[in-house]
Amino acid sequence: MADLVDRRALALTIDHGATAPLYGFIPDGLPGADPVLRSITGDGHGQPDITAAEAELDQADVARPLTLTLTLVPELNPPGTLAEYRALAAQLELGGLFQVDIDEVDAADFAAKRPKAAFQAYPGSWSPDGTDPATYRMPYQLGDAQLGSHYATPSALELLAAPITRADPAKRSADVRMIQRRLADDMPVVPLVQSAQLAVTADGVTGVRFDGSFTLRFGSLRMP
């Protein structure tokens, strides 16, 4: 899947530029962010590559087309998720490697069946509590409790816990980059896009900035 996804197309045509392609497990702009998937998936430059996907399926000895069901929960997912899913399905079906269906379920059914690994793929998103990348690291540590991905590789979980005990910010960032390289080996999720926080002002207004908790403080604004 990661070799076939066109993140730029999703961000520009489906999200109309309100999102940006995400090639790592920590969003761009946070300490330790690393677009690790840009060089190791697709064409190696951030674009999809059918030949690379074919090679992965051949190596895994998987028959083609591979049947995949993308599960959508309208009660929980943002309104644009269905359009994004349709675009994603079209990308995956290019070259005949995947046959993709989109299935809608209600929230109660999803909550009951997700712990039993009843769904092949479903959307997920989360927002940071602050500028610490721990918000994006913790879901993998919590595993089934939050992502429901049944991801429990011992060596990876050990790496995920390492930054907690680091006092040096540079070492924490190095740990986070190493974690992302390890996650890229296992690919428990496929990152697609990251959202942007936007502030719109009149001409001449200065002091527009978000603080460490991503809150826009009106006290810093200055009129012309």
Protein backbone atom coordinates (compact mmCIF):
# COMPACT_ATOMS: atom_id res chain seq x y z
CA MET A 1 0.00 0.00 0.00
CA ALA A 2 2.72 2.46 0.95
CA ASP A 3 4.30 2.12 -2.51
CA LEU A 4 1.05 3.07 -4.27
CA VAL A 5 -0.21 5.97 -2.18
CA ASP A 6 0.00 9.39 -3.81
CA ARG A 7 -0.01 11.67 -0.78
CA ARG A 8 0.45 14.85 -2.78
CA ALA A 9 -2.68 14.12 -4.80
CA LEU A 10 -4.68 13.46 -1.63
CA ALA A 11 -3.51 16.73 -0.07
CA LEU A 12 -4.09 18.89 -3.15
CA THR A 13 -7.16 17.46 -4.83
CA ILE A 14 -9.12 16.00 -1.93
CA ASP A 15 -8.10 18.29 0.95
CA HIS A 16 -7.63 21.32 -1.35
CA GLY A 17 -4.28 22.21 0.20
CA ALA A 18 -5.53 22.20 3.80
CA THR A 19 -3.21 19.26 4.49
CA ALA A 20 0.34 18.36 3.48
CA PRO A 21 1.83 14.97 2.53
CA LEU A 22 3.10 13.06 5.55
CA TYR A 23 6.07 10.75 4.96
CA GLY A 24 6.87 9.94 8.59
CA PHE A 25 5.22 8.86 11.80
CA ILE A 26 5.85 12.23 13.48
CA PRO A 27 4.47 15.30 11.66
CA ASP A 28 6.83 17.81 10.10
CA GLY A 29 7.62 20.64 12.50
CA LEU A 30 7.90 18.57 15.67
CA PRO A 31 11.24 17.53 17.25
CA GLY A 32 12.58 14.35 15.68
CA ALA A 33 10.33 14.50 12.62
CA ASP A 34 11.83 12.45 9.79
CA PRO A 35 10.22 11.80 6.38
CA VAL A 36 11.59 8.26 6.46
CA LEU A 37 8.98 6.83 4.08
CA ARG A 38 9.86 9.26 1.28
CA SER A 39 13.07 7.40 0.42
CA ILE A 40 12.06 3.80 1.16
CA THR A 41 8.62 3.58 -0.45
CA GLY A 42 7.29 4.31 -3.92
CA ASP A 43 9.82 5.84 -6.33
CA GLY A 44 12.12 6.94 -3.49
CA HIS A 45 11.17 10.59 -3.97
CA GLY A 46 7.72 10.71 -2.39
CA GLN A 47 5.71 9.54 -5.37
CA PRO A 48 3.95 6.18 -5.98
CA ASP A 49 5.61 3.40 -7.96
CA ILE A 50 3.66 0.39 -9.23
CA THR A 51 6.86 -1.56 -9.97
CA ALA A 52 8.01 -1.23 -6.35
CA ALA A 53 4.60 -2.41 -5.12
CA GLU A 54 4.71 -5.38 -7.50
CA ALA A 55 8.13 -6.35 -6.16
CA GLU A 56 6.87 -6.25 -2.56
CA LEU A 57 3.90 -8.49 -3.39
CA ASP A 58 6.08 -10.89 -5.36
CA GLN A 59 8.53 -11.14 -2.48
CA ALA A 60 5.67 -11.93 -0.10
CA ASP A 61 4.29 -14.43 -2.63
CA VAL A 62 0.88 -12.75 -2.55
CA ALA A 63 -1.63 -13.46 -5.33
CA ARG A 64 -2.95 -10.49 -7.29
CA PRO A 65 -5.25 -8.68 -7.10
CA LEU A 66 -5.11 -8.47 -3.33
CA THR A 67 -8.59 -7.91 -1.88
CA LEU A 68 -8.72 -5.05 0.60
CA THR A 69 -11.64 -3.57 2.51
CA LEU A 70 -11.35 -0.02 3.82
CA THR A 71 -13.72 0.46 6.74
CA LEU A 72 -15.36 3.82 7.33
CA VAL A 73 -17.25 4.94 10.45
CA PRO A 74 -19.35 7.97 9.43
CA GLU A 75 -20.17 8.83 13.06
CA LEU A 76 -16.49 9.10 13.98
CA ASN A 77 -14.68 10.16 10.81
CA PRO A 78 -14.59 13.73 9.41
CA PRO A 79 -16.97 14.51 6.51
CA GLY A 80 -14.19 14.43 3.89
CA THR A 81 -13.05 10.92 4.79
CA LEU A 82 -15.27 9.19 2.23
CA ALA A 83 -13.88 11.28 -0.63
CA GLU A 84 -10.35 10.60 0.61
CA TYR A 85 -11.11 6.88 0.79
CA ARG A 86 -12.46 6.82 -2.75
CA ALA A 87 -9.34 8.57 -4.02
CA LEU A 88 -7.14 6.20 -2.02
CA ALA A 89 -8.99 3.17 -3.38
CA ALA A 90 -8.48 4.42 -6.95
CA GLN A 91 -4.75 4.85 -6.29
CA LEU A 92 -4.41 1.34 -4.88
CA GLU A 93 -6.29 -0.23 -7.79
CA LEU A 94 -3.96 1.27 -10.42
CA GLY A 95 -2.08 -1.53 -12.12
CA GLY A 96 -4.51 -4.16 -10.88
CA LEU A 97 -2.57 -4.96 -7.70
CA PHE A 98 -5.49 -4.35 -5.34
CA GLN A 99 -9.23 -4.76 -5.49
CA VAL A 100 -10.60 -2.31 -2.96
CA ASP A 101 -14.03 -2.12 -1.35
CA ILE A 102 -15.27 0.59 1.01
CA ASP A 103 -17.51 -0.58 3.83
CA GLU A 104 -19.41 1.64 6.25
CA VAL A 105 -20.16 0.45 9.80
CA ASP A 106 -21.71 2.16 12.80
CA ALA A 107 -19.65 3.23 15.79
CA ALA A 108 -20.96 0.53 18.12
CA ASP A 109 -20.17 -2.25 15.66
CA PHE A 110 -16.71 -0.80 15.04
CA ALA A 111 -15.93 -0.56 18.77
CA ALA A 112 -17.03 -4.15 19.36
CA LYS A 113 -15.18 -5.72 16.44
CA ARG A 114 -11.97 -3.70 16.21
CA PRO A 115 -10.28 -5.44 19.19
CA LYS A 116 -10.90 -8.76 17.39
CA ALA A 117 -8.99 -7.60 14.28
CA ALA A 118 -12.17 -7.72 12.22
CA PHE A 119 -11.17 -4.82 9.95
CA GLN A 120 -8.32 -4.78 7.46
CA ALA A 121 -7.85 -1.02 7.32
CA TYR A 122 -9.58 2.04 8.72
CA PRO A 123 -8.75 5.76 9.11
CA GLY A 124 -7.19 7.18 12.21
CA SER A 125 -6.09 10.63 13.26
CA TRP A 126 -4.94 12.40 16.36
CA SER A 127 -3.94 15.89 17.41
CA PRO A 128 -0.96 16.91 19.57
CA ASP A 129 -1.32 18.13 23.12
CA GLY A 130 1.81 20.23 22.63
CA THR A 131 5.11 20.34 20.76
CA ASP A 132 6.36 17.09 22.30
CA PRO A 133 6.18 14.24 19.72
CA ALA A 134 5.10 11.89 22.52
CA THR A 135 1.49 12.46 21.42
CA TYR A 136 2.30 10.59 18.20
CA ARG A 137 4.55 8.01 19.83
CA MET A 138 2.23 6.92 22.61
CA PRO A 139 -0.47 5.32 20.40
CA TYR A 140 2.06 2.71 19.27
CA GLN A 141 3.06 2.03 22.88
CA LEU A 142 -0.58 1.67 23.90
CA GLY A 143 -1.13 -0.63 20.92
CA ASP A 144 -4.55 -2.20 20.94
CA ALA A 145 -5.86 0.24 23.53
CA GLN A 146 -5.73 3.17 21.11
CA LEU A 147 -4.87 2.08 17.57
CA GLY A 148 -6.38 -1.38 17.70
CA SER A 149 -3.61 -2.44 15.33
CA HIS A 150 -2.38 -5.41 17.40
CA TYR A 151 1.13 -4.04 17.00
CA ALA A 152 3.33 -5.59 19.68
CA THR A 153 6.88 -6.09 18.34
CA PRO A 154 9.02 -6.28 21.54
CA SER A 155 12.11 -4.56 20.09
CA ALA A 156 9.98 -1.71 18.75
CA LEU A 157 8.11 -1.27 22.05
CA GLU A 158 11.46 -1.03 23.84
CA LEU A 159 12.55 1.72 21.46
CA LEU A 160 9.24 3.54 21.89
CA ALA A 161 9.79 3.78 25.65
CA ALA A 162 13.36 5.10 25.40
CA PRO A 163 12.64 8.86 25.00
CA ILE A 164 10.71 8.93 28.28
CA THR A 165 13.95 8.68 30.28
CA ARG A 166 16.02 11.08 28.15
CA ALA A 167 16.74 14.49 29.68
CA ASP A 168 18.72 15.75 26.68
CA PRO A 169 16.38 17.10 23.95
CA ALA A 170 18.88 16.23 21.20
CA LYS A 171 19.04 12.61 22.37
CA ARG A 172 15.24 12.46 22.59
CA SER A 173 15.00 13.66 18.98
CA ALA A 174 17.55 11.03 17.92
CA ASP A 175 15.47 8.37 19.69
CA VAL A 176 12.33 9.57 17.89
CA ARG A 177 14.07 9.34 14.50
CA MET A 178 15.26 5.82 15.32
CA ILE A 179 11.72 4.88 16.37
CA GLN A 180 10.37 6.03 13.03
CA ARG A 181 12.91 3.97 11.11
CA ARG A 182 11.87 0.93 13.17
CA LEU A 183 8.18 1.60 12.56
CA ALA A 184 8.90 1.95 8.84
CA ASP A 185 10.23 -1.63 8.87
CA ASP A 186 6.95 -2.95 10.30
CA MET A 187 4.50 -0.37 8.89
CA PRO A 188 1.74 -0.80 11.52
CA VAL A 189 0.02 2.22 9.95
CA VAL A 190 0.42 4.06 6.64
CA PRO A 191 0.77 7.81 7.26
CA LEU A 192 -1.01 9.86 4.60
CA VAL A 193 -1.35 13.58 5.36
CA GLN A 194 -0.94 16.08 8.17
CA SER A 195 -3.22 18.99 8.85
CA ALA A 196 -2.17 22.61 9.16
CA GLN A 197 -3.27 25.19 11.70
CA LEU A 198 -4.20 28.38 9.92
CA ALA A 199 -4.79 31.90 11.16
CA VAL A 200 -6.35 34.48 8.84
CA THR A 201 -5.90 38.17 9.64
CA ALA A 202 -6.41 41.57 8.05
CA ASP A 203 -3.46 43.26 6.33
CA GLY A 204 -0.87 44.65 8.71
CA VAL A 205 -1.75 42.55 11.76
CA THR A 206 1.42 41.23 13.42
CA GLY A 207 2.25 38.94 16.34
CA VAL A 208 0.30 36.03 14.90
CA ARG A 209 1.76 32.84 16.33
CA PHE A 210 0.75 29.63 18.04
CA ASP A 211 2.33 28.83 21.40
CA GLY A 212 3.69 25.48 22.60
CA SER A 213 0.17 24.17 23.13
CA PHE A 214 -0.83 25.21 19.58
CA THR A 215 -3.07 27.95 21.00
CA LEU A 216 -3.37 31.34 19.30
CA ARG A 217 -2.86 33.99 21.98
CA PHE A 218 -4.74 37.19 21.21
CA GLY A 219 -2.52 39.14 23.61
CA SER A 220 0.38 38.98 21.16
CA LEU A 221 -1.61 40.47 18.25
CA ARG A 222 -0.80 44.02 17.18
CA MET A 223 -2.92 46.21 14.95
CA PRO A 224 -1.30 48.41 12.28
